[in-house]
Amino acid sequence: MYFFFILLIFLNLLLFIQTIQIQRIKVRENVNVTMTCRLNTRENLLTTNYLASIPSLTSFNKIFDNNYSGNIILWYKDDIQVIGVNSISNDPQKYIIHQENFYTYQLIILNVQLESSGLYKCQNFTAKEENLFQLNVMVPPSRLRLSPSPQMPVADGTSVLFNCTSERAYPVPTFEWYKNDKLIQRSIGMSINNETNTSSFSSSSLLTLILSPIDHDHVLRCQVTNEASIHDTNVELKLDVLFKPIINISWNQKQSPTTLTVIENRFETIHCIISANPSVLANIEWFKNDQLIRGENQEQLRINFTRIENIQKLTCRGRNTIGQSEATVNVDILYKPKLSMIDRITLNQGEKLVLKCSIDSNPMCHQIQWFHNSKQIHTQSCSLTNRTQTITEYIIPNVYRIHSGQYTCLVKNWLNTGFDNRHEATTEISTNVRIQCTRDLLFYKRLSYDTVSISIQNNNRVPLLANVSSYIL
């Protein structure tokens, strides 16, 4: 019978309970928190009068008056956990409850933890009044985990989902993602609920990346902070991407040249720079004009560039378990002019003299000079007949004795490898030109016949002397 009376009182009280403004309390962990519940005297009197006005509860009121003098104060957490009544705590190690005066009660929560957060209620069981307290315990992020899916290592081009979780933090933290210290994403964490669908103070952030060789060995960092953070909290993961060799050829500290510009008959060291995962150190090959250079399996190649070998291109090839790659560079061998010319010319006086000087040079020559007996007689520029060949001519329409002598063709070009190593190269070649006079030749013939005839008649040896005018280059 009394049970129904108590239930009726409880239901009637719920109709008159006033909900006051929630007092919000925000603290860090490991401190004591005091909640003060203040009740209204006028409301208590109204409640007492109300209960007394119900005839059916007269006997129950007598029981109430005989057993309780004053208010009955109940403390709740999240409306489901009863902490205590009046000054009696259900868990003295965690909660202390005491009454300051007839209308003021205090709840002291000892050494609050993150799990202490929640809505606390001080409810006057004998009056239509309650006090509400929202306790939020701030905790910096901790217990961070960073997990990729799929797991490392992964192949080039794989889409990887990274999940960064913080198991114990409040307020919900901010997640910042960095790749090699460069910020790539910032977001508020997503709360993670446990199996009972209540907050577990865990949160997470997701990041999706399509990994490429450039990401290999980069450090992915998830940095998590909130209002309670005193210093940064982060977790890191080193990216491990599998990819076939990426090859670059380097020469004279210049990487990936399209052409090696070298000077003839010089030794040069060419480097094959390889990036690969897994490594390819034992699987390197060098090719010259597509022909394998045997015995050269290192990352560097020392080679003598000669025109005889006609090296047009060099190739470095590497392979690993993922695949094979190669890099090729063209070779441009520079050399000073190489000249050719007829070494001796004999002409009759009045004939046409044509001196031809064939020039082979790389790069093409920029100047040609002609000399007669060491005296400069002509200067001209160069013009190509093909990629490296030039033919220059020096012509005298009618030659005389004064045109006899030595003629020299001197040719210049610039050897420039592009590394502040520019110098002018010079080559020369000479030929001798002899001009014959017709009158002298006739005299020589006539004199020769007479002398021979005399020698035969006298049966004696007679020396034959003839002066023949000529100019010899």
Foldseek 3Di string as FASTA:
>chain_A
DVVVVLVVLQVVLQVQADEDDAAEAEEAFFAKDKDKFFDDPVQLVVLVVVQCPDVVCVVVVVVCVVPDDAWWKWKDWQVPRTQDIAQDGPDVVAWGKYAPDRGMIMIMGGRDDQVNFTKMKIDTSSGNYIYIYGYGHFDWFDPKDKQKVPHPDEEQQDKIKIKIKTQAGPPQKKKWKDKLNHTDDIDGWAFDADPVRDGRNMTMDMDIDGHHLVQAQIKIKIWIGDPPDPDIDIDIDGHHYADWKDKWKDFPNRIRDQEQEEEAFDKGKIFIDIDGVPDFQQFKWKDFVNHTDPPDRGRMDIDHHHVVVVGFKMKMKTGDPRGIDMDMHTYHYFYWKDWDWPAEAEEEFFAKDKTKIKIFGVPEFAKKWKDFPNHTDDIDGFDDPDRGITMDIDMDHGDDQVRWGKMKIKTKHWRPRPPPPIDIDMDMDMHGYKYFYPVLVVVLVVQVVVQVVVCVVVVHDDDGDGDGDMGID
